[in-house]
């Protein structure tokens, strides 16, 4: 009995050892890797996003590389994964892989077939050159284009030279600088627009038209080039062509007060008063504080003999017109006469 009891005590004191396969299953799939730059230097604090895309519920695991650019992840379910490496200043790098149970899976970068596992290499992100957009050289919005850092500095300087030349009305200098930019990044709508403006000032109307049309192709949802092309036609006495450009584009810019104002003024200049009134009415709905279109609408109302409508528009114009407006005194005199 004593021997039996002792045996029992020894048996109870022995630890419960799991089999190797059970231990692997408990640890789950495992991975490791190293992230370096193009010179082979480790990159710390890289965001590593590990997305499980195998069967069952999708999961995302995140961590960062250490000071030596390394990372290790354990306890993952076996299956297919997408892994993304992200850090500011570098291009995002992605890998598709499959993880199985047992041992650490090496996450390798690109290498020749049969070659040892290579580190994951992140390439420097290209420098982005921002070219201001909008009407004229000093527009606020911009288009971004990717070039290397040396080229970005040179093109940025060339564009700013063009901006200053346009402000100073040095059209030849502006043309050369803008062409320098376009030689490297030819699809910049803002640069084409400004070059069109330069050509118009130089009275090279054919070249200006080409630049404005190229701007429209590159950025069809910006009204500036359409308005500029119509104004170019008007400057050449081609009023019909000016109206056509704007009326054909009008459905695209139903919500643009700027475009509708240009359409109304151009149509009014061509004697198309119904089209002008329709466009100006849209402007009032879009921008009730636009005083000038109220004056135009008053003029159109007088032309069709609607005294009350003219008074209403003149009153709105007088209420919102800025001090010093050239039409303000005329509007006040008209109001006084119409109210009698």
C-alpha atoms as a PDB file:
ATOM      1  CA  UNK A   1       0.000   0.000   0.000  1.00  0.00           C
ATOM      2  CA  UNK A   2       2.815   2.312   0.781  1.00  0.00           C
ATOM      3  CA  UNK A   3       4.348   1.631  -2.625  1.00  0.00           C
ATOM      4  CA  UNK A   4       1.056   2.242  -4.360  1.00  0.00           C
ATOM      5  CA  UNK A   5       0.519   5.515  -2.579  1.00  0.00           C
ATOM      6  CA  UNK A   6       4.023   6.688  -3.363  1.00  0.00           C
ATOM      7  CA  UNK A   7       3.570   5.842  -7.015  1.00  0.00           C
ATOM      8  CA  UNK A   8       0.390   7.793  -7.050  1.00  0.00           C
ATOM      9  CA  UNK A   9       2.040  10.847  -5.552  1.00  0.00           C
ATOM     10  CA  UNK A  10       4.840  10.722  -8.109  1.00  0.00           C
ATOM     11  CA  UNK A  11       2.336  10.423 -10.937  1.00  0.00           C
ATOM     12  CA  UNK A  12       0.376  13.447  -9.747  1.00  0.00           C
ATOM     13  CA  UNK A  13       3.542  15.532  -9.478  1.00  0.00           C
ATOM     14  CA  UNK A  14       4.563  14.987 -13.120  1.00  0.00           C
ATOM     15  CA  UNK A  15       3.777  17.976 -15.445  1.00  0.00           C
ATOM     16  CA  UNK A  16       1.329  17.469 -18.268  1.00  0.00           C
ATOM     17  CA  UNK A  17       3.437  17.655 -21.476  1.00  0.00           C
ATOM     18  CA  UNK A  18       1.628  18.428 -24.722  1.00  0.00           C
ATOM     19  CA  UNK A  19       2.587  16.660 -27.912  1.00  0.00           C
ATOM     20  CA  UNK A  20       4.696  18.653 -30.461  1.00  0.00           C
ATOM     21  CA  UNK A  21       1.732  19.015 -32.850  1.00  0.00           C
ATOM     22  CA  UNK A  22      -0.541  20.294 -30.071  1.00  0.00           C
ATOM     23  CA  UNK A  23       2.073  22.919 -29.114  1.00  0.00           C
ATOM     24  CA  UNK A  24       2.334  24.079 -32.725  1.00  0.00           C
ATOM     25  CA  UNK A  25      -1.431  24.425 -32.987  1.00  0.00           C
ATOM     26  CA  UNK A  26      -1.548  26.459 -29.782  1.00  0.00           C
ATOM     27  CA  UNK A  27       1.188  28.828 -31.026  1.00  0.00           C
ATOM     28  CA  UNK A  28      -0.507  29.163 -34.420  1.00  0.00           C
ATOM     29  CA  UNK A  29       1.241  30.192 -37.604  1.00  0.00           C
ATOM     30  CA  UNK A  30       4.281  32.447 -37.252  1.00  0.00           C
ATOM     31  CA  UNK A  31       6.111  34.896 -39.495  1.00  0.00           C
ATOM     32  CA  UNK A  32       9.126  37.145 -39.448  1.00  0.00           C
ATOM     33  CA  UNK A  33      10.937  39.494 -41.799  1.00  0.00           C
ATOM     34  CA  UNK A  34      13.226  42.489 -42.150  1.00  0.00           C
ATOM     35  CA  UNK A  35      12.457  45.782 -43.897  1.00  0.00           C
ATOM     36  CA  UNK A  36      15.280  47.858 -45.390  1.00  0.00           C
ATOM     37  CA  UNK A  37      15.676  50.826 -47.723  1.00  0.00           C
ATOM     38  CA  UNK A  38      17.246  50.761 -51.181  1.00  0.00           C
ATOM     39  CA  UNK A  39      20.715  51.073 -49.633  1.00  0.00           C
ATOM     40  CA  UNK A  40      20.072  48.071 -47.412  1.00  0.00           C
ATOM     41  CA  UNK A  41      19.689  50.118 -44.221  1.00  0.00           C
ATOM     42  CA  UNK A  42      17.018  48.918 -41.762  1.00  0.00           C
ATOM     43  CA  UNK A  43      13.860  51.011 -41.532  1.00  0.00           C
ATOM     44  CA  UNK A  44      12.311  51.210 -38.052  1.00  0.00           C
ATOM     45  CA  UNK A  45       8.675  51.995 -37.264  1.00  0.00           C
ATOM     46  CA  UNK A  46       7.301  50.669 -40.545  1.00  0.00           C
ATOM     47  CA  UNK A  47       3.574  49.917 -40.239  1.00  0.00           C
ATOM     48  CA  UNK A  48       3.075  46.215 -40.943  1.00  0.00           C
ATOM     49  CA  UNK A  49      -0.553  45.357 -41.743  1.00  0.00           C
ATOM     50  CA  UNK A  50      -1.206  41.624 -41.779  1.00  0.00           C
ATOM     51  CA  UNK A  51      -4.602  40.832 -43.300  1.00  0.00           C
ATOM     52  CA  UNK A  52      -5.943  37.277 -43.038  1.00  0.00           C
ATOM     53  CA  UNK A  53      -7.925  36.477 -46.192  1.00  0.00           C
ATOM     54  CA  UNK A  54      -8.307  32.731 -45.712  1.00  0.00           C
ATOM     55  CA  UNK A  55     -11.487  30.863 -44.913  1.00  0.00           C
ATOM     56  CA  UNK A  56     -13.710  32.179 -42.175  1.00  0.00           C
ATOM     57  CA  UNK A  57     -13.811  35.635 -40.629  1.00  0.00           C
ATOM     58  CA  UNK A  58     -11.361  38.170 -42.033  1.00  0.00           C
ATOM     59  CA  UNK A  59      -8.930  39.625 -39.507  1.00  0.00           C
ATOM     60  CA  UNK A  60      -6.302  42.350 -39.585  1.00  0.00           C
ATOM     61  CA  UNK A  61      -3.226  42.399 -37.341  1.00  0.00           C
ATOM     62  CA  UNK A  62      -0.950  45.430 -37.036  1.00  0.00           C
ATOM     63  CA  UNK A  63       2.505  46.105 -35.649  1.00  0.00           C
ATOM     64  CA  UNK A  64       5.680  48.063 -36.362  1.00  0.00           C
ATOM     65  CA  UNK A  65       9.218  47.083 -37.232  1.00  0.00           C
ATOM     66  CA  UNK A  66      11.870  47.422 -34.505  1.00  0.00           C
ATOM     67  CA  UNK A  67      15.083  49.481 -34.608  1.00  0.00           C
ATOM     68  CA  UNK A  68      16.714  46.844 -36.809  1.00  0.00           C
ATOM     69  CA  UNK A  69      13.805  46.847 -39.248  1.00  0.00           C
ATOM     70  CA  UNK A  70      12.640  43.442 -38.064  1.00  0.00           C
ATOM     71  CA  UNK A  71       9.232  42.129 -37.110  1.00  0.00           C
ATOM     72  CA  UNK A  72       7.877  38.833 -35.744  1.00  0.00           C
ATOM     73  CA  UNK A  73       4.268  37.745 -35.410  1.00  0.00           C
ATOM     74  CA  UNK A  74       3.009  34.537 -33.804  1.00  0.00           C
ATOM     75  CA  UNK A  75      -0.390  33.089 -32.993  1.00  0.00           C
ATOM     76  CA  UNK A  76      -1.844  33.566 -36.460  1.00  0.00           C
ATOM     77  CA  UNK A  77      -4.397  31.223 -38.010  1.00  0.00           C
ATOM     78  CA  UNK A  78      -2.962  29.253 -40.933  1.00  0.00           C
ATOM     79  CA  UNK A  79      -4.088  30.313 -44.398  1.00  0.00           C
ATOM     80  CA  UNK A  80      -3.742  33.044 -46.992  1.00  0.00           C
ATOM     81  CA  UNK A  81      -2.539  36.546 -46.089  1.00  0.00           C
ATOM     82  CA  UNK A  82      -1.973  39.941 -47.635  1.00  0.00           C
ATOM     83  CA  UNK A  83       0.787  41.896 -45.937  1.00  0.00           C
ATOM     84  CA  UNK A  84       1.342  45.625 -46.471  1.00  0.00           C
ATOM     85  CA  UNK A  85       4.339  47.678 -45.397  1.00  0.00           C
ATOM     86  CA  UNK A  86       3.763  51.424 -45.075  1.00  0.00           C
ATOM     87  CA  UNK A  87       5.821  54.382 -43.922  1.00  0.00           C
ATOM     88  CA  UNK A  88       5.651  58.066 -44.799  1.00  0.00           C
ATOM     89  CA  UNK A  89       8.194  58.925 -47.451  1.00  0.00           C
ATOM     90  CA  UNK A  90       8.194  55.417 -48.931  1.00  0.00           C
ATOM     91  CA  UNK A  91       6.070  53.584 -51.468  1.00  0.00           C
ATOM     92  CA  UNK A  92       3.672  51.046 -49.981  1.00  0.00           C
ATOM     93  CA  UNK A  93       4.842  47.466 -50.558  1.00  0.00           C
ATOM     94  CA  UNK A  94       2.467  44.483 -50.578  1.00  0.00           C
ATOM     95  CA  UNK A  95       2.976  40.724 -50.442  1.00  0.00           C
ATOM     96  CA  UNK A  96       0.585  37.793 -50.822  1.00  0.00           C
ATOM     97  CA  UNK A  97       1.623  34.718 -48.827  1.00  0.00           C
ATOM     98  CA  UNK A  98       0.352  31.515 -47.244  1.00  0.00           C
ATOM     99  CA  UNK A  99       1.184  30.542 -43.664  1.00  0.00           C
ATOM    100  CA  UNK A 100       1.190  27.012 -42.307  1.00  0.00           C
ATOM    101  CA  UNK A 101       1.583  25.678 -38.757  1.00  0.00           C
ATOM    102  CA  UNK A 102       5.038  24.801 -37.577  1.00  0.00           C
ATOM    103  CA  UNK A 103       8.117  27.008 -37.468  1.00  0.00           C
ATOM    104  CA  UNK A 104       8.613  30.619 -38.504  1.00  0.00           C
ATOM    105  CA  UNK A 105       7.660  31.529 -42.060  1.00  0.00           C
ATOM    106  CA  UNK A 106      10.135  33.942 -43.599  1.00  0.00           C
ATOM    107  CA  UNK A 107       8.481  36.898 -45.346  1.00  0.00           C
ATOM    108  CA  UNK A 108      10.796  37.664 -48.235  1.00  0.00           C
ATOM    109  CA  UNK A 109      11.178  40.487 -50.677  1.00  0.00           C
ATOM    110  CA  UNK A 110      11.768  40.091 -54.381  1.00  0.00           C
ATOM    111  CA  UNK A 111      14.617  37.751 -55.327  1.00  0.00           C
ATOM    112  CA  UNK A 112      15.682  35.392 -58.076  1.00  0.00           C
ATOM    113  CA  UNK A 113      14.151  31.865 -58.066  1.00  0.00           C
ATOM    114  CA  UNK A 114      16.218  29.583 -55.838  1.00  0.00           C
ATOM    115  CA  UNK A 115      18.034  32.509 -54.184  1.00  0.00           C
ATOM    116  CA  UNK A 116      18.073  32.957 -50.375  1.00  0.00           C
ATOM    117  CA  UNK A 117      15.230  34.882 -48.774  1.00  0.00           C
ATOM    118  CA  UNK A 118      15.737  38.596 -49.453  1.00  0.00           C
ATOM    119  CA  UNK A 119      14.857  41.468 -47.153  1.00  0.00           C
ATOM    120  CA  UNK A 120      11.768  43.522 -47.938  1.00  0.00           C
ATOM    121  CA  UNK A 121      12.940  46.692 -49.700  1.00  0.00           C
ATOM    122  CA  UNK A 122      10.891  49.901 -49.505  1.00  0.00           C
ATOM    123  CA  UNK A 123      11.561  52.437 -52.224  1.00  0.00           C
ATOM    124  CA  UNK A 124      11.528  56.150 -51.571  1.00  0.00           C
ATOM    125  CA  UNK A 125       8.274  57.783 -52.626  1.00  0.00           C
ATOM    126  CA  UNK A 126       8.653  60.285 -55.484  1.00  0.00           C
ATOM    127  CA  UNK A 127       8.606  63.942 -54.535  1.00  0.00           C
ATOM    128  CA  UNK A 128       5.280  65.547 -55.455  1.00  0.00           C
ATOM    129  CA  UNK A 129       5.332  68.828 -57.342  1.00  0.00           C
ATOM    130  CA  UNK A 130       2.193  70.940 -56.805  1.00  0.00           C
ATOM    131  CA  UNK A 131       1.197  73.294 -59.591  1.00  0.00           C
ATOM    132  CA  UNK A 132      -1.439  75.848 -58.576  1.00  0.00           C
ATOM    133  CA  UNK A 133      -4.640  75.610 -60.607  1.00  0.00           C
ATOM    134  CA  UNK A 134      -7.650  77.781 -61.172  1.00  0.00           C
ATOM    135  CA  UNK A 135      -7.902  80.890 -63.319  1.00  0.00           C
ATOM    136  CA  UNK A 136      -4.645  82.693 -63.940  1.00  0.00           C
ATOM    137  CA  UNK A 137      -1.286  82.069 -62.348  1.00  0.00           C
ATOM    138  CA  UNK A 138      -2.315  82.490 -58.746  1.00  0.00           C
ATOM    139  CA  UNK A 139      -5.150  79.954 -58.464  1.00  0.00           C
ATOM    140  CA  UNK A 140      -5.543  78.216 -55.108  1.00  0.00           C
ATOM    141  CA  UNK A 141      -6.275  74.665 -56.157  1.00  0.00           C
ATOM    142  CA  UNK A 142      -3.574  72.383 -57.509  1.00  0.00           C
ATOM    143  CA  UNK A 143      -2.709  69.295 -59.457  1.00  0.00           C
ATOM    144  CA  UNK A 144      -0.020  66.941 -58.139  1.00  0.00           C
ATOM    145  CA  UNK A 145       2.572  65.234 -60.325  1.00  0.00           C
ATOM    146  CA  UNK A 146       5.340  62.880 -59.235  1.00  0.00           C
ATOM    147  CA  UNK A 147       8.957  63.552 -60.209  1.00  0.00           C
ATOM    148  CA  UNK A 148      12.282  63.004 -58.490  1.00  0.00           C
ATOM    149  CA  UNK A 149      13.465  65.558 -55.919  1.00  0.00           C
ATOM    150  CA  UNK A 150      16.001  67.324 -58.144  1.00  0.00           C
ATOM    151  CA  UNK A 151      13.527  67.629 -60.991  1.00  0.00           C
ATOM    152  CA  UNK A 152      10.790  68.780 -58.603  1.00  0.00           C
ATOM    153  CA  UNK A 153      12.953  71.649 -57.372  1.00  0.00           C
ATOM    154  CA  UNK A 154      13.798  72.745 -60.911  1.00  0.00           C
ATOM    155  CA  UNK A 155      10.227  72.541 -62.183  1.00  0.00           C
ATOM    156  CA  UNK A 156       8.869  74.287 -59.119  1.00  0.00           C
ATOM    157  CA  UNK A 157      11.312  77.137 -59.698  1.00  0.00           C
ATOM    158  CA  UNK A 158      10.370  77.302 -63.379  1.00  0.00           C
ATOM    159  CA  UNK A 159       6.685  77.490 -62.560  1.00  0.00           C
ATOM    160  CA  UNK A 160       7.170  80.232 -59.977  1.00  0.00           C
ATOM    161  CA  UNK A 161       9.248  82.120 -62.536  1.00  0.00           C
ATOM    162  CA  UNK A 162       6.281  81.863 -64.922  1.00  0.00           C
ATOM    163  CA  UNK A 163       3.903  83.097 -62.224  1.00  0.00           C
ATOM    164  CA  UNK A 164       6.024  86.169 -61.563  1.00  0.00           C
ATOM    165  CA  UNK A 165       6.477  86.797 -65.282  1.00  0.00           C
ATOM    166  CA  UNK A 166       2.706  86.686 -65.843  1.00  0.00           C
ATOM    167  CA  UNK A 167       2.147  89.133 -62.997  1.00  0.00           C
ATOM    168  CA  UNK A 168       4.740  91.413 -64.572  1.00  0.00           C
ATOM    169  CA  UNK A 169       3.282  90.921 -68.074  1.00  0.00           C
ATOM    170  CA  UNK A 170       6.573  89.516 -69.343  1.00  0.00           C
ATOM    171  CA  UNK A 171       4.875  87.177 -71.758  1.00  0.00           C
ATOM    172  CA  UNK A 172       7.931  85.767 -73.511  1.00  0.00           C
ATOM    173  CA  UNK A 173       9.603  84.833 -70.245  1.00  0.00           C
ATOM    174  CA  UNK A 174       6.381  83.264 -68.972  1.00  0.00           C
ATOM    175  CA  UNK A 175       5.972  81.235 -72.158  1.00  0.00           C
ATOM    176  CA  UNK A 176       9.497  79.800 -71.919  1.00  0.00           C
ATOM    177  CA  UNK A 177       9.103  78.847 -68.257  1.00  0.00           C
ATOM    178  CA  UNK A 178       5.721  77.185 -68.778  1.00  0.00           C
ATOM    179  CA  UNK A 179       7.019  75.223 -71.750  1.00  0.00           C
ATOM    180  CA  UNK A 180       9.924  74.010 -69.605  1.00  0.00           C
ATOM    181  CA  UNK A 181       7.472  72.594 -67.088  1.00  0.00           C
ATOM    182  CA  UNK A 182       5.300  70.974 -69.749  1.00  0.00           C
ATOM    183  CA  UNK A 183       8.320  69.331 -71.352  1.00  0.00           C
ATOM    184  CA  UNK A 184       8.678  67.185 -68.223  1.00  0.00           C
ATOM    185  CA  UNK A 185       5.074  66.934 -66.990  1.00  0.00           C
ATOM    186  CA  UNK A 186       2.940  67.505 -70.101  1.00  0.00           C
ATOM    187  CA  UNK A 187      -0.471  66.748 -68.607  1.00  0.00           C
ATOM    188  CA  UNK A 188      -0.730  69.645 -66.145  1.00  0.00           C
ATOM    189  CA  UNK A 189      -4.056  71.396 -66.871  1.00  0.00           C
ATOM    190  CA  UNK A 190      -3.126  74.502 -64.866  1.00  0.00           C
ATOM    191  CA  UNK A 191       0.082  74.975 -66.851  1.00  0.00           C
ATOM    192  CA  UNK A 192      -1.742  74.578 -70.169  1.00  0.00           C
ATOM    193  CA  UNK A 193      -4.353  77.068 -68.970  1.00  0.00           C
ATOM    194  CA  UNK A 194      -1.765  79.679 -68.055  1.00  0.00           C
ATOM    195  CA  UNK A 195       0.070  79.123 -71.324  1.00  0.00           C
ATOM    196  CA  UNK A 196      -3.215  79.749 -73.138  1.00  0.00           C
ATOM    197  CA  UNK A 197      -3.540  83.012 -71.215  1.00  0.00           C
ATOM    198  CA  UNK A 198      -0.008  83.989 -72.250  1.00  0.00           C
ATOM    199  CA  UNK A 199      -0.729  83.213 -75.907  1.00  0.00           C
ATOM    200  CA  UNK A 200      -3.895  85.300 -75.791  1.00  0.00           C
ATOM    201  CA  UNK A 201      -1.943  88.258 -74.461  1.00  0.00           C
ATOM    202  CA  UNK A 202       0.542  87.760 -77.297  1.00  0.00           C
ATOM    203  CA  UNK A 203      -2.451  87.638 -79.702  1.00  0.00           C
ATOM    204  CA  UNK A 204      -1.520  84.153 -80.861  1.00  0.00           C
ATOM    205  CA  UNK A 205      -5.177  83.163 -80.823  1.00  0.00           C
ATOM    206  CA  UNK A 206      -4.755  79.784 -82.523  1.00  0.00           C
ATOM    207  CA  UNK A 207      -2.160  78.678 -79.968  1.00  0.00           C
ATOM    208  CA  UNK A 208      -4.313  80.014 -77.109  1.00  0.00           C
ATOM    209  CA  UNK A 209      -7.316  78.034 -78.357  1.00  0.00           C
ATOM    210  CA  UNK A 210      -5.198  74.879 -78.499  1.00  0.00           C
ATOM    211  CA  UNK A 211      -4.054  75.319 -74.908  1.00  0.00           C
ATOM    212  CA  UNK A 212      -7.553  76.004 -73.592  1.00  0.00           C
ATOM    213  CA  UNK A 213      -8.927  72.963 -75.403  1.00  0.00           C
ATOM    214  CA  UNK A 214      -6.109  70.824 -74.006  1.00  0.00           C
ATOM    215  CA  UNK A 215      -7.022  72.079 -70.530  1.00  0.00           C
ATOM    216  CA  UNK A 216     -10.628  71.056 -71.135  1.00  0.00           C
ATOM    217  CA  UNK A 217      -9.501  67.565 -72.148  1.00  0.00           C
ATOM    218  CA  UNK A 218      -7.338  67.124 -69.058  1.00  0.00           C
ATOM    219  CA  UNK A 219      -9.803  68.625 -66.581  1.00  0.00           C
ATOM    220  CA  UNK A 220     -13.287  68.608 -68.137  1.00  0.00           C
ATOM    221  CA  UNK A 221     -14.999  69.436 -64.843  1.00  0.00           C
ATOM    222  CA  UNK A 222     -13.259  72.803 -64.328  1.00  0.00           C
ATOM    223  CA  UNK A 223     -15.266  75.647 -65.912  1.00  0.00           C
ATOM    224  CA  UNK A 224     -12.326  78.042 -66.278  1.00  0.00           C
ATOM    225  CA  UNK A 225     -11.062  76.788 -69.642  1.00  0.00           C
ATOM    226  CA  UNK A 226     -14.565  76.848 -71.188  1.00  0.00           C
ATOM    227  CA  UNK A 227     -15.091  80.423 -70.026  1.00  0.00           C
ATOM    228  CA  UNK A 228     -11.619  81.420 -71.230  1.00  0.00           C
ATOM    229  CA  UNK A 229     -12.179  79.866 -74.665  1.00  0.00           C
ATOM    230  CA  UNK A 230     -15.520  81.669 -75.040  1.00  0.00           C
ATOM    231  CA  UNK A 231     -13.866  84.966 -74.072  1.00  0.00           C
ATOM    232  CA  UNK A 232     -11.123  84.262 -76.619  1.00  0.00           C
ATOM    233  CA  UNK A 233     -13.738  83.811 -79.347  1.00  0.00           C
ATOM    234  CA  UNK A 234     -15.503  87.012 -78.318  1.00  0.00           C
ATOM    235  CA  UNK A 235     -12.200  88.899 -78.499  1.00  0.00           C
ATOM    236  CA  UNK A 236     -11.967  87.786 -82.133  1.00  0.00           C
ATOM    237  CA  UNK A 237     -15.546  88.794 -82.925  1.00  0.00           C
ATOM    238  CA  UNK A 238     -16.713  85.174 -82.970  1.00  0.00           C
ATOM    239  CA  UNK A 239     -19.728  85.593 -80.719  1.00  0.00           C
ATOM    240  CA  UNK A 240     -21.650  82.645 -82.154  1.00  0.00           C
ATOM    241  CA  UNK A 241     -18.741  80.283 -81.479  1.00  0.00           C
ATOM    242  CA  UNK A 242     -18.437  81.700 -77.965  1.00  0.00           C
ATOM    243  CA  UNK A 243     -22.082  80.947 -77.167  1.00  0.00           C
ATOM    244  CA  UNK A 244     -21.795  77.478 -78.702  1.00  0.00           C
ATOM    245  CA  UNK A 245     -18.834  76.538 -76.499  1.00  0.00           C
ATOM    246  CA  UNK A 246     -20.738  77.499 -73.375  1.00  0.00           C
ATOM    247  CA  UNK A 247     -24.173  76.127 -74.296  1.00  0.00           C
ATOM    248  CA  UNK A 248     -22.689  72.743 -75.233  1.00  0.00           C
ATOM    249  CA  UNK A 249     -20.899  72.540 -71.869  1.00  0.00           C
ATOM    250  CA  UNK A 250     -23.793  73.996 -69.849  1.00  0.00           C
ATOM    251  CA  UNK A 251     -25.263  70.642 -68.667  1.00  0.00           C
ATOM    252  CA  UNK A 252     -21.934  69.858 -67.003  1.00  0.00           C
ATOM    253  CA  UNK A 253     -21.979  73.101 -65.016  1.00  0.00           C
ATOM    254  CA  UNK A 254     -25.579  73.491 -63.879  1.00  0.00           C
ATOM    255  CA  UNK A 255     -24.342  74.139 -60.328  1.00  0.00           C
ATOM    256  CA  UNK A 256     -21.533  76.562 -61.211  1.00  0.00           C
ATOM    257  CA  UNK A 257     -22.501  80.199 -60.683  1.00  0.00           C
ATOM    258  CA  UNK A 258     -19.258  81.277 -62.366  1.00  0.00           C
ATOM    259  CA  UNK A 259     -20.013  79.331 -65.531  1.00  0.00           C
ATOM    260  CA  UNK A 260     -23.673  80.352 -65.667  1.00  0.00           C
ATOM    261  CA  UNK A 261     -22.695  84.014 -65.276  1.00  0.00           C
ATOM    262  CA  UNK A 262     -20.350  83.727 -68.252  1.00  0.00           C
ATOM    263  CA  UNK A 263     -23.013  81.923 -70.273  1.00  0.00           C
ATOM    264  CA  UNK A 264     -25.585  84.603 -69.478  1.00  0.00           C
ATOM    265  CA  UNK A 265     -23.262  87.487 -70.351  1.00  0.00           C
ATOM    266  CA  UNK A 266     -22.119  85.876 -73.605  1.00  0.00           C
ATOM    267  CA  UNK A 267     -25.676  85.041 -74.672  1.00  0.00           C
ATOM    268  CA  UNK A 268     -26.808  88.570 -73.764  1.00  0.00           C
ATOM    269  CA  UNK A 269     -24.031  90.068 -75.902  1.00  0.00           C
ATOM    270  CA  UNK A 270     -25.266  87.964 -78.818  1.00  0.00           C
ATOM    271  CA  UNK A 271     -28.886  89.044 -78.379  1.00  0.00           C
ATOM    272  CA  UNK A 272     -30.027  85.639 -77.110  1.00  0.00           C
ATOM    273  CA  UNK A 273     -31.994  87.153 -74.277  1.00  0.00           C
ATOM    274  CA  UNK A 274     -33.996  84.067 -73.280  1.00  0.00           C
ATOM    275  CA  UNK A 275     -30.818  82.035 -72.913  1.00  0.00           C
ATOM    276  CA  UNK A 276     -29.217  84.875 -70.981  1.00  0.00           C
ATOM    277  CA  UNK A 277     -32.154  85.237 -68.613  1.00  0.00           C
ATOM    278  CA  UNK A 278     -32.274  81.479 -67.967  1.00  0.00           C
ATOM    279  CA  UNK A 279     -28.569  81.440 -67.088  1.00  0.00           C
ATOM    280  CA  UNK A 280     -28.752  84.537 -64.859  1.00  0.00           C
ATOM    281  CA  UNK A 281     -31.790  83.124 -63.048  1.00  0.00           C
ATOM    282  CA  UNK A 282     -29.741  80.035 -62.199  1.00  0.00           C
ATOM    283  CA  UNK A 283     -26.987  82.284 -60.851  1.00  0.00           C
ATOM    284  CA  UNK A 284     -29.432  84.051 -58.530  1.00  0.00           C
ATOM    285  CA  UNK A 285     -30.537  80.680 -57.153  1.00  0.00           C
ATOM    286  CA  UNK A 286     -26.934  79.530 -56.706  1.00  0.00           C
ATOM    287  CA  UNK A 287     -25.582  82.826 -55.360  1.00  0.00           C
ATOM    288  CA  UNK A 288     -28.260  85.276 -54.166  1.00  0.00           C
ATOM    289  CA  UNK A 289     -25.634  87.880 -53.247  1.00  0.00           C
ATOM    290  CA  UNK A 290     -24.373  88.182 -56.835  1.00  0.00           C
ATOM    291  CA  UNK A 291     -25.407  91.777 -57.449  1.00  0.00           C
ATOM    292  CA  UNK A 292     -24.309  92.178 -61.044  1.00  0.00           C
ATOM    293  CA  UNK A 293     -26.600  89.499 -62.452  1.00  0.00           C
ATOM    294  CA  UNK A 294     -29.524  91.288 -60.785  1.00  0.00           C
ATOM    295  CA  UNK A 295     -28.651  94.344 -62.864  1.00  0.00           C
ATOM    296  CA  UNK A 296     -28.496  92.229 -66.019  1.00  0.00           C
ATOM    297  CA  UNK A 297     -31.847  90.636 -65.199  1.00  0.00           C
ATOM    298  CA  UNK A 298     -33.347  94.105 -64.654  1.00  0.00           C
ATOM    299  CA  UNK A 299     -32.094  95.136 -68.101  1.00  0.00           C
ATOM    300  CA  UNK A 300     -33.616  92.040 -69.691  1.00  0.00           C
ATOM    301  CA  UNK A 301     -36.906  92.637 -67.850  1.00  0.00           C
ATOM    302  CA  UNK A 302     -37.050  96.207 -69.207  1.00  0.00           C
ATOM    303  CA  UNK A 303     -36.351  94.906 -72.716  1.00  0.00           C
ATOM    304  CA  UNK A 304     -39.427  92.686 -72.535  1.00  0.00           C
ATOM    305  CA  UNK A 305     -41.508  95.433 -70.854  1.00  0.00           C
ATOM    306  CA  UNK A 306     -41.887  93.884 -67.396  1.00  0.00           C
ATOM    307  CA  UNK A 307     -41.674  96.920 -65.127  1.00  0.00           C
ATOM    308  CA  UNK A 308     -42.389  95.138 -61.846  1.00  0.00           C
ATOM    309  CA  UNK A 309     -39.776  92.453 -62.496  1.00  0.00           C
ATOM    310  CA  UNK A 310     -37.233  95.124 -63.393  1.00  0.00           C
ATOM    311  CA  UNK A 311     -37.916  96.989 -60.146  1.00  0.00           C
ATOM    312  CA  UNK A 312     -37.420  93.809 -58.116  1.00  0.00           C
ATOM    313  CA  UNK A 313     -34.052  93.080 -59.711  1.00  0.00           C
ATOM    314  CA  UNK A 314     -32.906  96.694 -59.405  1.00  0.00           C
ATOM    315  CA  UNK A 315     -33.798  96.734 -55.726  1.00  0.00           C
ATOM    316  CA  UNK A 316     -31.782  93.543 -55.216  1.00  0.00           C
ATOM    317  CA  UNK A 317     -28.868  95.056 -57.120  1.00  0.00           C
ATOM    318  CA  UNK A 318     -28.864  98.270 -55.064  1.00  0.00           C
ATOM    319  CA  UNK A 319     -29.063  96.256 -51.837  1.00  0.00           C
ATOM    320  CA  UNK A 320     -26.033  94.090 -52.642  1.00  0.00           C
ATOM    321  CA  UNK A 321     -23.893  96.146 -55.021  1.00  0.00           C
ATOM    322  CA  UNK A 322     -20.523  97.135 -53.564  1.00  0.00           C
ATOM    323  CA  UNK A 323     -19.808 100.808 -53.037  1.00  0.00           C
ATOM    324  CA  UNK A 324     -18.294 102.311 -56.142  1.00  0.00           C
ATOM    325  CA  UNK A 325     -20.037  99.935 -58.538  1.00  0.00           C
ATOM    326  CA  UNK A 326     -20.175 101.677 -61.940  1.00  0.00           C
ATOM    327  CA  UNK A 327     -23.843 100.728 -62.430  1.00  0.00           C
ATOM    328  CA  UNK A 328     -25.039 101.775 -58.986  1.00  0.00           C
ATOM    329  CA  UNK A 329     -26.037 105.353 -59.766  1.00  0.00           C
ATOM    330  CA  UNK A 330     -27.735 104.293 -63.002  1.00  0.00           C
ATOM    331  CA  UNK A 331     -29.710 101.654 -61.097  1.00  0.00           C
ATOM    332  CA  UNK A 332     -30.863 104.176 -58.495  1.00  0.00           C
ATOM    333  CA  UNK A 333     -31.978 106.579 -61.190  1.00  0.00           C
ATOM    334  CA  UNK A 334     -33.870 103.814 -63.002  1.00  0.00           C
ATOM    335  CA  UNK A 335     -35.587 102.763 -59.788  1.00  0.00           C
ATOM    336  CA  UNK A 336     -36.726 106.319 -59.096  1.00  0.00           C
ATOM    337  CA  UNK A 337     -38.091 106.655 -62.621  1.00  0.00           C
ATOM    338  CA  UNK A 338     -39.875 103.281 -62.614  1.00  0.00           C
ATOM    339  CA  UNK A 339     -41.540 103.898 -59.231  1.00  0.00           C
ATOM    340  CA  UNK A 340     -43.285 107.080 -60.415  1.00  0.00           C
END
